[in-house]
Structure formats: C-alpha cells, structure tokens
Amino acid sequence: MNWYRGDGYGWMDGGAMLVMGLFWILLVGVGIWLITRSMGKEKTTSVQESPRQVLDHRFASGEIDADAYKQARKLIEGKGDSTLDS
C-alpha cells in the first residue's frame, strides 16, 4: 500500500476532505436550524398581557383572594401607597 502519491500532501488529503465534509454538514445543519427557528417564531408570537390582565387571570383562577386582588389593583392603578405591609 502506497499512501504517498508523490504530490507532497500524503495524509493531508484525507484530513482536508474530512474537515470540508464536516464544514458542509455543519453549514447545512445551521441553515436548517435557522429556517425552523424563524418558522417557529411566527407561530408563537403572543400579545403581552398588561399587569391588570395578569392580575385578573390570577384572581379568576383562584391564585389570590379578594383582599389581595383589591390591594394589588389599587397599587397597579396608582391609588395605593407604594409600600407593602409585611
């Protein structure tokens, strides 16, 4: 078996082919990832909820009681004081 063909590169030919093959696989993979990522963003765009809407949802789902709802609503609307009681 003669690995040296007389062109002066020897094992470097195989190494260059391996590196270029990995480069192209990586390039195609990154391209596919970018395309699928941009497609996913179109589907998952959502409207940001206001603090009042978040508060209403939390109250409706039972996460907070009526007193906590009233106190938080006053703070959101700016009618309450800025300090919270412990």
Protein backbone atom coordinates (compact mmCIF):
# COMPACT_ATOMS: atom_id res chain seq x y z
CA MET A 1 0.00 0.00 0.00
CA ASN A 2 1.46 3.29 -1.03
CA TRP A 3 -0.08 6.26 0.80
CA TYR A 4 2.32 8.73 -0.70
CA ARG A 5 1.39 9.51 -4.29
CA GLY A 6 4.19 11.91 -4.94
CA ASP A 7 2.14 15.11 -4.83
CA GLY A 8 3.59 16.10 -1.46
CA TYR A 9 0.42 16.00 0.65
CA GLY A 10 0.12 12.41 1.86
CA TRP A 11 -2.36 12.15 4.76
CA MET A 12 -3.30 15.80 4.37
CA ASP A 13 -5.68 14.99 1.50
CA GLY A 14 -7.83 12.79 3.72
CA GLY A 15 -7.75 15.29 6.56
CA ALA A 16 -8.80 18.13 4.26
CA MET A 17 -11.68 16.03 2.91
CA LEU A 18 -12.82 15.23 6.45
CA VAL A 19 -12.70 18.88 7.54
CA MET A 20 -14.56 20.05 4.43
CA GLY A 21 -17.19 17.34 4.85
CA LEU A 22 -17.77 18.35 8.47
CA PHE A 23 -17.91 22.00 7.43
CA TRP A 24 -20.65 21.36 4.88
CA ILE A 25 -22.65 19.19 7.29
CA LEU A 26 -22.39 21.95 9.90
CA LEU A 27 -23.36 24.63 7.39
CA VAL A 28 -26.45 22.71 6.24
CA GLY A 29 -27.41 21.95 9.85
CA VAL A 30 -27.17 25.60 10.89
CA GLY A 31 -29.23 26.60 7.84
CA ILE A 32 -31.98 24.12 8.70
CA TRP A 33 -31.93 25.24 12.35
CA LEU A 34 -32.27 28.91 11.35
CA ILE A 35 -35.16 28.18 9.00
CA THR A 36 -37.08 26.12 11.56
CA ARG A 37 -36.38 28.70 14.26
CA SER A 38 -37.76 31.54 12.15
CA MET A 39 -40.85 29.47 11.29
CA GLY A 40 -41.48 28.75 14.95
CA LYS A 41 -41.39 32.42 15.91
CA GLU A 42 -44.26 33.22 13.55
CA LYS A 43 -46.45 30.66 15.26
CA THR A 44 -45.57 31.55 18.84
CA THR A 45 -45.89 35.32 18.74
CA SER A 46 -48.22 36.35 21.52
CA VAL A 47 -49.58 39.62 22.76
CA GLN A 48 -48.07 40.80 26.02
CA GLU A 49 -50.65 40.96 28.79
CA SER A 50 -50.99 44.09 30.85
CA PRO A 51 -50.42 43.88 34.61
CA ARG A 52 -54.17 44.30 35.13
CA GLN A 53 -54.95 41.34 32.84
CA VAL A 54 -52.42 39.17 34.68
CA LEU A 55 -53.97 40.17 37.99
CA ASP A 56 -57.48 39.41 36.70
CA HIS A 57 -56.36 35.97 35.49
CA ARG A 58 -54.73 35.17 38.82
CA PHE A 59 -57.87 36.18 40.70
CA ALA A 60 -60.15 34.25 38.34
CA SER A 61 -58.05 31.09 38.66
CA GLY A 62 -58.07 31.32 42.48
CA GLU A 63 -54.35 32.01 42.93
CA ILE A 64 -55.12 35.09 45.03
CA ASP A 65 -58.06 36.02 47.25
CA ALA A 66 -60.32 39.08 47.03
CA ASP A 67 -58.33 41.14 49.55
CA ALA A 68 -55.03 40.55 47.74
CA TYR A 69 -56.76 41.34 44.44
CA LYS A 70 -58.13 44.65 45.73
CA GLN A 71 -54.78 45.65 47.22
CA ALA A 72 -52.84 44.77 44.07
CA ARG A 73 -55.39 46.53 41.87
CA LYS A 74 -55.01 49.72 43.91
CA LEU A 75 -51.22 49.52 43.52
CA ILE A 76 -51.46 48.93 39.78
CA GLU A 77 -53.87 51.82 39.28
CA GLY A 78 -51.69 54.09 41.43
CA LYS A 79 -54.31 54.66 44.12
CA GLY A 80 -52.49 52.80 46.86
CA ASP A 81 -49.36 53.65 48.76
CA SER A 82 -46.06 52.38 47.37
CA THR A 83 -45.12 50.38 50.47
CA LEU A 84 -46.38 46.89 51.12
CA ASP A 85 -47.31 45.67 54.57
CA SER A 86 -45.47 42.60 55.81
